[in-house]
Amino acid sequence: MKKGELEKALSRNANLVVSKRGCPFCLDAVKTLNEWKIEFDEIKNTENEELSKEIEEEYKFPTFPKIFLNKKFIGGASDLRKYVTTKEFLDAFGSGKE
């Protein structure tokens, strides 16, 4: 497996969602990020399997979506819903929600 796929992806955009086709949690996460007007890259697991495996191994997180904001691993959709209520999130992204 190639190392550094995550580093490459986060160098292109510090906000990243690795999703899976047909995953309702992935759709929920994308919707949440769009509501907050956060620009992010979405990469399907089938587009870059090495990236998905690297995140799974590094963070022990086998499920989808796999979310990074400001290069920080957030977790999945439920983790994102909790994170958007934190001071850290609001300080970084403001209250840009529609």
PDB file of N, CA and C in Angstrom:
ATOM      1  N   MET A   1       0.838  -1.180   0.000  1.00  0.00           N
ATOM      2  CA  MET A   1       0.000   0.000   0.000  1.00  0.00           C
ATOM      3  C   MET A   1       0.884   1.245   0.000  1.00  0.00           C
ATOM      4  N   LYS A   2       0.507   2.212  -0.823  1.00  0.00           N
ATOM      5  CA  LYS A   2       1.233   3.473  -0.856  1.00  0.00           C
ATOM      6  C   LYS A   2       0.939   4.256   0.415  1.00  0.00           C
ATOM      7  N   LYS A   3       1.984   4.796   1.014  1.00  0.00           N
ATOM      8  CA  LYS A   3       1.801   5.662   2.176  1.00  0.00           C
ATOM      9  C   LYS A   3       1.673   7.091   1.676  1.00  0.00           C
ATOM     10  N   GLY A   4       1.035   7.900   2.453  1.00  0.00           N
ATOM     11  CA  GLY A   4       0.965   9.306   2.125  1.00  0.00           C
ATOM     12  C   GLY A   4      -0.240   9.733   1.314  1.00  0.00           C
ATOM     13  N   GLU A   5      -1.185   8.843   1.063  1.00  0.00           N
ATOM     14  CA  GLU A   5      -2.381   9.229   0.315  1.00  0.00           C
ATOM     15  C   GLU A   5      -3.184  10.275   1.090  1.00  0.00           C
ATOM     16  N   LEU A   6      -3.264  10.112   2.401  1.00  0.00           N
ATOM     17  CA  LEU A   6      -3.999  11.069   3.222  1.00  0.00           C
ATOM     18  C   LEU A   6      -3.315  12.430   3.191  1.00  0.00           C
ATOM     19  N   GLU A   7      -2.013  12.423   3.330  1.00  0.00           N
ATOM     20  CA  GLU A   7      -1.259  13.682   3.293  1.00  0.00           C
ATOM     21  C   GLU A   7      -1.475  14.405   1.966  1.00  0.00           C
ATOM     22  N   LYS A   8      -1.467  13.653   0.864  1.00  0.00           N
ATOM     23  CA  LYS A   8      -1.697  14.251  -0.453  1.00  0.00           C
ATOM     24  C   LYS A   8      -3.092  14.853  -0.542  1.00  0.00           C
ATOM     25  N   ALA A   9      -4.082  14.100  -0.083  1.00  0.00           N
ATOM     26  CA  ALA A   9      -5.470  14.569  -0.155  1.00  0.00           C
ATOM     27  C   ALA A   9      -5.669  15.821   0.690  1.00  0.00           C
ATOM     28  N   LEU A  10      -5.102  15.838   1.895  1.00  0.00           N
ATOM     29  CA  LEU A  10      -5.265  16.991   2.782  1.00  0.00           C
ATOM     30  C   LEU A  10      -4.443  18.191   2.321  1.00  0.00           C
ATOM     31  N   SER A  11      -3.412  17.957   1.516  1.00  0.00           N
ATOM     32  CA  SER A  11      -2.653  19.091   0.980  1.00  0.00           C
ATOM     33  C   SER A  11      -3.463  19.800  -0.108  1.00  0.00           C
ATOM     34  N   ARG A  12      -4.366  19.073  -0.753  1.00  0.00           N
ATOM     35  CA  ARG A  12      -5.232  19.679  -1.769  1.00  0.00           C
ATOM     36  C   ARG A  12      -6.372  20.460  -1.120  1.00  0.00           C
ATOM     37  N   ASN A  13      -6.920  19.930  -0.031  1.00  0.00           N
ATOM     38  CA  ASN A  13      -7.996  20.601   0.700  1.00  0.00           C
ATOM     39  C   ASN A  13      -7.963  20.074   2.130  1.00  0.00           C
ATOM     40  N   ALA A  14      -7.907  20.965   3.105  1.00  0.00           N
ATOM     41  CA  ALA A  14      -7.817  20.570   4.519  1.00  0.00           C
ATOM     42  C   ALA A  14      -9.114  19.963   5.029  1.00  0.00           C
ATOM     43  N   ASN A  15     -10.181  20.096   4.235  1.00  0.00           N
ATOM     44  CA  ASN A  15     -11.477  19.525   4.595  1.00  0.00           C
ATOM     45  C   ASN A  15     -11.785  18.400   3.615  1.00  0.00           C
ATOM     46  N   LEU A  16     -11.966  17.211   4.154  1.00  0.00           N
ATOM     47  CA  LEU A  16     -12.071  16.016   3.320  1.00  0.00           C
ATOM     48  C   LEU A  16     -13.133  15.072   3.854  1.00  0.00           C
ATOM     49  N   VAL A  17     -13.912  14.518   2.933  1.00  0.00           N
ATOM     50  CA  VAL A  17     -14.860  13.456   3.263  1.00  0.00           C
ATOM     51  C   VAL A  17     -14.544  12.277   2.351  1.00  0.00           C
ATOM     52  N   VAL A  18     -14.244  11.138   2.953  1.00  0.00           N
ATOM     53  CA  VAL A  18     -14.097   9.904   2.188  1.00  0.00           C
ATOM     54  C   VAL A  18     -15.417   9.168   2.358  1.00  0.00           C
ATOM     55  N   SER A  19     -16.113   8.974   1.249  1.00  0.00           N
ATOM     56  CA  SER A  19     -17.462   8.425   1.312  1.00  0.00           C
ATOM     57  C   SER A  19     -17.566   7.120   0.529  1.00  0.00           C
ATOM     58  N   LYS A  20     -18.746   6.539   0.631  1.00  0.00           N
ATOM     59  CA  LYS A  20     -19.021   5.260  -0.022  1.00  0.00           C
ATOM     60  C   LYS A  20     -20.355   5.397  -0.751  1.00  0.00           C
ATOM     61  N   ARG A  21     -20.400   4.902  -1.965  1.00  0.00           N
ATOM     62  CA  ARG A  21     -21.628   4.983  -2.761  1.00  0.00           C
ATOM     63  C   ARG A  21     -22.800   4.335  -2.007  1.00  0.00           C
ATOM     64  N   GLY A  22     -23.930   5.034  -1.977  1.00  0.00           N
ATOM     65  CA  GLY A  22     -25.141   4.509  -1.366  1.00  0.00           C
ATOM     66  C   GLY A  22     -25.184   4.600   0.148  1.00  0.00           C
ATOM     67  N   CYS A  23     -24.230   5.284   0.743  1.00  0.00           N
ATOM     68  CA  CYS A  23     -24.141   5.377   2.202  1.00  0.00           C
ATOM     69  C   CYS A  23     -24.973   6.563   2.702  1.00  0.00           C
ATOM     70  N   PRO A  24     -26.048   6.305   3.462  1.00  0.00           N
ATOM     71  CA  PRO A  24     -26.877   7.415   3.950  1.00  0.00           C
ATOM     72  C   PRO A  24     -26.138   8.318   4.936  1.00  0.00           C
ATOM     73  N   PHE A  25     -25.204   7.767   5.683  1.00  0.00           N
ATOM     74  CA  PHE A  25     -24.432   8.579   6.629  1.00  0.00           C
ATOM     75  C   PHE A  25     -23.512   9.543   5.877  1.00  0.00           C
ATOM     76  N   CYS A  26     -23.001   9.087   4.740  1.00  0.00           N
ATOM     77  CA  CYS A  26     -22.158   9.946   3.903  1.00  0.00           C
ATOM     78  C   CYS A  26     -22.975  11.110   3.350  1.00  0.00           C
ATOM     79  N   LEU A  27     -24.182  10.814   2.885  1.00  0.00           N
ATOM     80  CA  LEU A  27     -25.063  11.869   2.379  1.00  0.00           C
ATOM     81  C   LEU A  27     -25.384  12.873   3.475  1.00  0.00           C
ATOM     82  N   ASP A  28     -25.615  12.381   4.687  1.00  0.00           N
ATOM     83  CA  ASP A  28     -25.909  13.245   5.828  1.00  0.00           C
ATOM     84  C   ASP A  28     -24.723  14.165   6.129  1.00  0.00           C
ATOM     85  N   ALA A  29     -23.525  13.612   6.108  1.00  0.00           N
ATOM     86  CA  ALA A  29     -22.326  14.408   6.390  1.00  0.00           C
ATOM     87  C   ALA A  29     -22.130  15.489   5.329  1.00  0.00           C
ATOM     88  N   VAL A  30     -22.295  15.132   4.070  1.00  0.00           N
ATOM     89  CA  VAL A  30     -22.153  16.095   2.980  1.00  0.00           C
ATOM     90  C   VAL A  30     -23.194  17.205   3.126  1.00  0.00           C
ATOM     91  N   LYS A  31     -24.418  16.824   3.461  1.00  0.00           N
ATOM     92  CA  LYS A  31     -25.489  17.807   3.666  1.00  0.00           C
ATOM     93  C   LYS A  31     -25.125  18.766   4.796  1.00  0.00           C
ATOM     94  N   THR A  32     -24.632  18.231   5.906  1.00  0.00           N
ATOM     95  CA  THR A  32     -24.247  19.068   7.048  1.00  0.00           C
ATOM     96  C   THR A  32     -23.157  20.055   6.652  1.00  0.00           C
ATOM     97  N   LEU A  33     -22.135  19.583   5.964  1.00  0.00           N
ATOM     98  CA  LEU A  33     -21.046  20.472   5.545  1.00  0.00           C
ATOM     99  C   LEU A  33     -21.542  21.543   4.577  1.00  0.00           C
ATOM    100  N   ASN A  34     -22.433  21.162   3.678  1.00  0.00           N
ATOM    101  CA  ASN A  34     -22.996  22.142   2.746  1.00  0.00           C
ATOM    102  C   ASN A  34     -23.843  23.180   3.479  1.00  0.00           C
ATOM    103  N   GLU A  35     -24.604  22.746   4.480  1.00  0.00           N
ATOM    104  CA  GLU A  35     -25.412  23.682   5.265  1.00  0.00           C
ATOM    105  C   GLU A  35     -24.536  24.723   5.956  1.00  0.00           C
ATOM    106  N   TRP A  36     -23.357  24.301   6.376  1.00  0.00           N
ATOM    107  CA  TRP A  36     -22.417  25.214   7.043  1.00  0.00           C
ATOM    108  C   TRP A  36     -21.542  25.957   6.037  1.00  0.00           C
ATOM    109  N   LYS A  37     -21.786  25.737   4.747  1.00  0.00           N
ATOM    110  CA  LYS A  37     -21.041  26.399   3.664  1.00  0.00           C
ATOM    111  C   LYS A  37     -19.535  26.144   3.773  1.00  0.00           C
ATOM    112  N   ILE A  38     -19.186  24.925   4.123  1.00  0.00           N
ATOM    113  CA  ILE A  38     -17.782  24.536   4.244  1.00  0.00           C
ATOM    114  C   ILE A  38     -17.341  23.890   2.935  1.00  0.00           C
ATOM    115  N   GLU A  39     -16.287  24.422   2.348  1.00  0.00           N
ATOM    116  CA  GLU A  39     -15.739  23.828   1.136  1.00  0.00           C
ATOM    117  C   GLU A  39     -14.935  22.594   1.521  1.00  0.00           C
ATOM    118  N   PHE A  40     -15.141  21.518   0.795  1.00  0.00           N
ATOM    119  CA  PHE A  40     -14.454  20.265   1.096  1.00  0.00           C
ATOM    120  C   PHE A  40     -14.320  19.447  -0.172  1.00  0.00           C
ATOM    121  N   ASP A  41     -13.383  18.516  -0.139  1.00  0.00           N
ATOM    122  CA  ASP A  41     -13.258  17.532  -1.207  1.00  0.00           C
ATOM    123  C   ASP A  41     -13.943  16.260  -0.751  1.00  0.00           C
ATOM    124  N   GLU A  42     -14.671  15.647  -1.664  1.00  0.00           N
ATOM    125  CA  GLU A  42     -15.268  14.339  -1.380  1.00  0.00           C
ATOM    126  C   GLU A  42     -14.608  13.329  -2.301  1.00  0.00           C
ATOM    127  N   ILE A  43     -14.083  12.277  -1.707  1.00  0.00           N
ATOM    128  CA  ILE A  43     -13.450  11.208  -2.471  1.00  0.00           C
ATOM    129  C   ILE A  43     -14.189   9.914  -2.150  1.00  0.00           C
ATOM    130  N   LYS A  44     -14.692   9.259  -3.178  1.00  0.00           N
ATOM    131  CA  LYS A  44     -15.360   7.965  -2.989  1.00  0.00           C
ATOM    132  C   LYS A  44     -14.299   6.903  -2.708  1.00  0.00           C
ATOM    133  N   ASN A  45     -14.640   5.962  -1.846  1.00  0.00           N
ATOM    134  CA  ASN A  45     -13.671   4.924  -1.479  1.00  0.00           C
ATOM    135  C   ASN A  45     -13.209   4.126  -2.694  1.00  0.00           C
ATOM    136  N   THR A  46     -14.052   3.998  -3.695  1.00  0.00           N
ATOM    137  CA  THR A  46     -13.665   3.244  -4.890  1.00  0.00           C
ATOM    138  C   THR A  46     -12.706   4.033  -5.783  1.00  0.00           C
ATOM    139  N   GLU A  47     -12.641   5.362  -5.604  1.00  0.00           N
ATOM    140  CA  GLU A  47     -11.719   6.192  -6.381  1.00  0.00           C
ATOM    141  C   GLU A  47     -10.296   6.095  -5.844  1.00  0.00           C
ATOM    142  N   ASN A  48     -10.172   5.836  -4.537  1.00  0.00           N
ATOM    143  CA  ASN A  48      -8.845   5.778  -3.921  1.00  0.00           C
ATOM    144  C   ASN A  48      -8.902   4.822  -2.728  1.00  0.00           C
ATOM    145  N   GLU A  49      -8.828   3.539  -3.019  1.00  0.00           N
ATOM    146  CA  GLU A  49      -8.913   2.528  -1.959  1.00  0.00           C
ATOM    147  C   GLU A  49      -7.740   2.626  -0.994  1.00  0.00           C
ATOM    148  N   GLU A  50      -6.572   3.049  -1.489  1.00  0.00           N
ATOM    149  CA  GLU A  50      -5.402   3.187  -0.616  1.00  0.00           C
ATOM    150  C   GLU A  50      -5.655   4.236   0.463  1.00  0.00           C
ATOM    151  N   LEU A  51      -6.294   5.332   0.081  1.00  0.00           N
ATOM    152  CA  LEU A  51      -6.616   6.395   1.034  1.00  0.00           C
ATOM    153  C   LEU A  51      -7.538   5.870   2.125  1.00  0.00           C
ATOM    154  N   SER A  52      -8.572   5.175   1.725  1.00  0.00           N
ATOM    155  CA  SER A  52      -9.528   4.632   2.687  1.00  0.00           C
ATOM    156  C   SER A  52      -8.857   3.658   3.652  1.00  0.00           C
ATOM    157  N   LYS A  53      -7.998   2.793   3.119  1.00  0.00           N
ATOM    158  CA  LYS A  53      -7.284   1.824   3.966  1.00  0.00           C
ATOM    159  C   LYS A  53      -6.321   2.522   4.915  1.00  0.00           C
ATOM    160  N   GLU A  54      -5.644   3.554   4.416  1.00  0.00           N
ATOM    161  CA  GLU A  54      -4.694   4.295   5.248  1.00  0.00           C
ATOM    162  C   GLU A  54      -5.406   4.938   6.445  1.00  0.00           C
ATOM    163  N   ILE A  55      -6.558   5.548   6.201  1.00  0.00           N
ATOM    164  CA  ILE A  55      -7.322   6.168   7.290  1.00  0.00           C
ATOM    165  C   ILE A  55      -7.806   5.107   8.263  1.00  0.00           C
ATOM    166  N   GLU A  56      -8.298   3.989   7.732  1.00  0.00           N
ATOM    167  CA  GLU A  56      -8.782   2.904   8.592  1.00  0.00           C
ATOM    168  C   GLU A  56      -7.675   2.404   9.515  1.00  0.00           C
ATOM    169  N   GLU A  57      -6.486   2.219   8.976  1.00  0.00           N
ATOM    170  CA  GLU A  57      -5.367   1.722   9.785  1.00  0.00           C
ATOM    171  C   GLU A  57      -4.875   2.767  10.786  1.00  0.00           C
ATOM    172  N   GLU A  58      -4.733   4.004  10.335  1.00  0.00           N
ATOM    173  CA  GLU A  58      -4.185   5.074  11.182  1.00  0.00           C
ATOM    174  C   GLU A  58      -5.122   5.446  12.330  1.00  0.00           C
ATOM    175  N   TYR A  59      -6.423   5.502  12.030  1.00  0.00           N
ATOM    176  CA  TYR A  59      -7.388   5.991  13.020  1.00  0.00           C
ATOM    177  C   TYR A  59      -8.299   4.898  13.571  1.00  0.00           C
ATOM    178  N   LYS A  60      -8.085   3.654  13.133  1.00  0.00           N
ATOM    179  CA  LYS A  60      -8.917   2.526  13.589  1.00  0.00           C
ATOM    180  C   LYS A  60     -10.398   2.844  13.363  1.00  0.00           C
ATOM    181  N   PHE A  61     -10.705   3.321  12.161  1.00  0.00           N
ATOM    182  CA  PHE A  61     -12.055   3.772  11.829  1.00  0.00           C
ATOM    183  C   PHE A  61     -12.483   3.108  10.523  1.00  0.00           C
ATOM    184  N   PRO A  62     -13.166   1.948  10.610  1.00  0.00           N
ATOM    185  CA  PRO A  62     -13.488   1.189   9.407  1.00  0.00           C
ATOM    186  C   PRO A  62     -14.751   1.644   8.668  1.00  0.00           C
ATOM    187  N   THR A  63     -15.570   2.508   9.279  1.00  0.00           N
ATOM    188  CA  THR A  63     -16.857   2.861   8.686  1.00  0.00           C
ATOM    189  C   THR A  63     -16.770   4.137   7.850  1.00  0.00           C
ATOM    190  N   PHE A  64     -17.875   4.437   7.181  1.00  0.00           N
ATOM    191  CA  PHE A  64     -17.976   5.627   6.324  1.00  0.00           C
ATOM    192  C   PHE A  64     -19.090   6.519   6.827  1.00  0.00           C
ATOM    193  N   PRO A  65     -18.926   7.824   6.613  1.00  0.00           N
ATOM    194  CA  PRO A  65     -17.822   8.538   6.001  1.00  0.00           C
ATOM    195  C   PRO A  65     -16.649   8.682   6.958  1.00  0.00           C
ATOM    196  N   LYS A  66     -15.533   9.103   6.400  1.00  0.00           N
ATOM    197  CA  LYS A  66     -14.328   9.418   7.179  1.00  0.00           C
ATOM    198  C   LYS A  66     -14.089  10.915   6.938  1.00  0.00           C
ATOM    199  N   ILE A  67     -14.224  11.719   7.999  1.00  0.00           N
ATOM    200  CA  ILE A  67     -14.264  13.175   7.840  1.00  0.00           C
ATOM    201  C   ILE A  67     -13.063  13.846   8.500  1.00  0.00           C
ATOM    202  N   PHE A  68     -12.457  14.770   7.761  1.00  0.00           N
ATOM    203  CA  PHE A  68     -11.377  15.618   8.268  1.00  0.00           C
ATOM    204  C   PHE A  68     -11.782  17.070   8.058  1.00  0.00           C
ATOM    205  N   LEU A  69     -11.597  17.893   9.084  1.00  0.00           N
ATOM    206  CA  LEU A  69     -11.797  19.336   8.970  1.00  0.00           C
ATOM    207  C   LEU A  69     -10.541  20.027   9.474  1.00  0.00           C
ATOM    208  N   ASN A  70     -10.040  20.962   8.688  1.00  0.00           N
ATOM    209  CA  ASN A  70      -8.760  21.614   9.009  1.00  0.00           C
ATOM    210  C   ASN A  70      -7.673  20.576   9.302  1.00  0.00           C
ATOM    211  N   LYS A  71      -7.685  19.502   8.525  1.00  0.00           N
ATOM    212  CA  LYS A  71      -6.713  18.398   8.614  1.00  0.00           C
ATOM    213  C   LYS A  71      -6.832  17.583   9.901  1.00  0.00           C
ATOM    214  N   LYS A  72      -7.883  17.820  10.678  1.00  0.00           N
ATOM    215  CA  LYS A  72      -8.102  17.074  11.924  1.00  0.00           C
ATOM    216  C   LYS A  72      -9.148  15.995  11.667  1.00  0.00           C
ATOM    217  N   PHE A  73      -8.856  14.769  12.117  1.00  0.00           N
ATOM    218  CA  PHE A  73      -9.816  13.684  11.956  1.00  0.00           C
ATOM    219  C   PHE A  73     -10.986  13.906  12.901  1.00  0.00           C
ATOM    220  N   ILE A  74     -12.189  13.973  12.335  1.00  0.00           N
ATOM    221  CA  ILE A  74     -13.404  14.197  13.119  1.00  0.00           C
ATOM    222  C   ILE A  74     -14.096  12.876  13.421  1.00  0.00           C
ATOM    223  N   GLY A  75     -14.133  11.980  12.445  1.00  0.00           N
ATOM    224  CA  GLY A  75     -14.823  10.702  12.601  1.00  0.00           C
ATOM    225  C   GLY A  75     -15.869  10.565  11.517  1.00  0.00           C
ATOM    226  N   GLY A  76     -17.070  10.124  11.920  1.00  0.00           N
ATOM    227  CA  GLY A  76     -18.157   9.912  10.978  1.00  0.00           C
ATOM    228  C   GLY A  76     -19.224  10.986  11.068  1.00  0.00           C
ATOM    229  N   ALA A  77     -20.397  10.680  10.500  1.00  0.00           N
ATOM    230  CA  ALA A  77     -21.484  11.662  10.436  1.00  0.00           C
ATOM    231  C   ALA A  77     -21.985  12.070  11.817  1.00  0.00           C
ATOM    232  N   SER A  78     -22.148  11.110  12.716  1.00  0.00           N
ATOM    233  CA  SER A  78     -22.631  11.463  14.062  1.00  0.00           C
ATOM    234  C   SER A  78     -21.581  12.274  14.813  1.00  0.00           C
ATOM    235  N   ASP A  79     -20.307  11.968  14.584  1.00  0.00           N
ATOM    236  CA  ASP A  79     -19.229  12.754  15.196  1.00  0.00           C
ATOM    237  C   ASP A  79     -19.248  14.188  14.659  1.00  0.00           C
ATOM    238  N   LEU A  80     -19.524  14.329  13.372  1.00  0.00           N
ATOM    239  CA  LEU A  80     -19.597  15.654  12.761  1.00  0.00           C
ATOM    240  C   LEU A  80     -20.737  16.463  13.368  1.00  0.00           C
ATOM    241  N   ARG A  81     -21.908  15.837  13.539  1.00  0.00           N
ATOM    242  CA  ARG A  81     -23.051  16.549  14.128  1.00  0.00           C
ATOM    243  C   ARG A  81     -22.720  17.072  15.519  1.00  0.00           C
ATOM    244  N   LYS A  82     -21.964  16.294  16.286  1.00  0.00           N
ATOM    245  CA  LYS A  82     -21.542  16.757  17.617  1.00  0.00           C
ATOM    246  C   LYS A  82     -20.502  17.868  17.487  1.00  0.00           C
ATOM    247  N   TYR A  83     -19.570  17.703  16.567  1.00  0.00           N
ATOM    248  CA  TYR A  83     -18.457  18.638  16.421  1.00  0.00           C
ATOM    249  C   TYR A  83     -18.929  20.042  16.037  1.00  0.00           C
ATOM    250  N   VAL A  84     -19.980  20.144  15.221  1.00  0.00           N
ATOM    251  CA  VAL A  84     -20.428  21.469  14.770  1.00  0.00           C
ATOM    252  C   VAL A  84     -20.991  22.307  15.914  1.00  0.00           C
ATOM    253  N   THR A  85     -21.195  21.717  17.071  1.00  0.00           N
ATOM    254  CA  THR A  85     -21.693  22.471  18.229  1.00  0.00           C
ATOM    255  C   THR A  85     -20.565  22.922  19.155  1.00  0.00           C
ATOM    256  N   THR A  86     -19.331  22.579  18.832  1.00  0.00           N
ATOM    257  CA  THR A  86     -18.212  22.880  19.728  1.00  0.00           C
ATOM    258  C   THR A  86     -17.615  24.259  19.451  1.00  0.00           C
ATOM    259  N   LYS A  87     -16.991  24.800  20.456  1.00  0.00           N
ATOM    260  CA  LYS A  87     -16.302  26.091  20.322  1.00  0.00           C
ATOM    261  C   LYS A  87     -15.195  25.992  19.270  1.00  0.00           C
ATOM    262  N   GLU A  88     -14.478  24.882  19.263  1.00  0.00           N
ATOM    263  CA  GLU A  88     -13.395  24.695  18.288  1.00  0.00           C
ATOM    264  C   GLU A  88     -13.918  24.853  16.862  1.00  0.00           C
ATOM    265  N   PHE A  89     -15.051  24.218  16.571  1.00  0.00           N
ATOM    266  CA  PHE A  89     -15.641  24.305  15.239  1.00  0.00           C
ATOM    267  C   PHE A  89     -16.080  25.736  14.939  1.00  0.00           C
ATOM    268  N   LEU A  90     -16.818  26.334  15.861  1.00  0.00           N
ATOM    269  CA  LEU A  90     -17.341  27.681  15.632  1.00  0.00           C
ATOM    270  C   LEU A  90     -16.221  28.703  15.485  1.00  0.00           C
ATOM    271  N   ASP A  91     -15.133  28.527  16.238  1.00  0.00           N
ATOM    272  CA  ASP A  91     -13.982  29.420  16.096  1.00  0.00           C
ATOM    273  C   ASP A  91     -13.347  29.279  14.712  1.00  0.00           C
ATOM    274  N   ALA A  92     -13.312  28.061  14.199  1.00  0.00           N
ATOM    275  CA  ALA A  92     -12.670  27.804  12.906  1.00  0.00           C
ATOM    276  C   ALA A  92     -13.560  28.181  11.724  1.00  0.00           C
ATOM    277  N   PHE A  93     -14.864  27.900  11.847  1.00  0.00           N
ATOM    278  CA  PHE A  93     -15.749  28.038  10.689  1.00  0.00           C
ATOM    279  C   PHE A  93     -16.835  29.091  10.853  1.00  0.00           C
ATOM    280  N   GLY A  94     -16.934  29.693  12.040  1.00  0.00           N
ATOM    281  CA  GLY A  94     -17.950  30.712  12.258  1.00  0.00           C
ATOM    282  C   GLY A  94     -19.342  30.134  12.265  1.00  0.00           C
ATOM    283  N   SER A  95     -20.302  31.003  12.099  1.00  0.00           N
ATOM    284  CA  SER A  95     -21.697  30.552  12.122  1.00  0.00           C
ATOM    285  C   SER A  95     -22.294  30.727  10.733  1.00  0.00           C
ATOM    286  N   GLY A  96     -21.636  30.146   9.757  1.00  0.00           N
ATOM    287  CA  GLY A  96     -22.039  30.298   8.366  1.00  0.00           C
ATOM    288  C   GLY A  96     -23.216  29.457   7.943  1.00  0.00           C
ATOM    289  N   LYS A  97     -23.859  28.803   8.889  1.00  0.00           N
ATOM    290  CA  LYS A  97     -24.960  27.911   8.528  1.00  0.00           C
ATOM    291  C   LYS A  97     -26.087  28.698   7.880  1.00  0.00           C
ATOM    292  N   GLU A  98     -26.669  28.092   6.849  1.00  0.00           N
ATOM    293  CA  GLU A  98     -27.801  28.731   6.153  1.00  0.00           C
ATOM    294  C   GLU A  98     -29.015  28.760   7.043  1.00  0.00           C
TER     295      GLU A  98
END
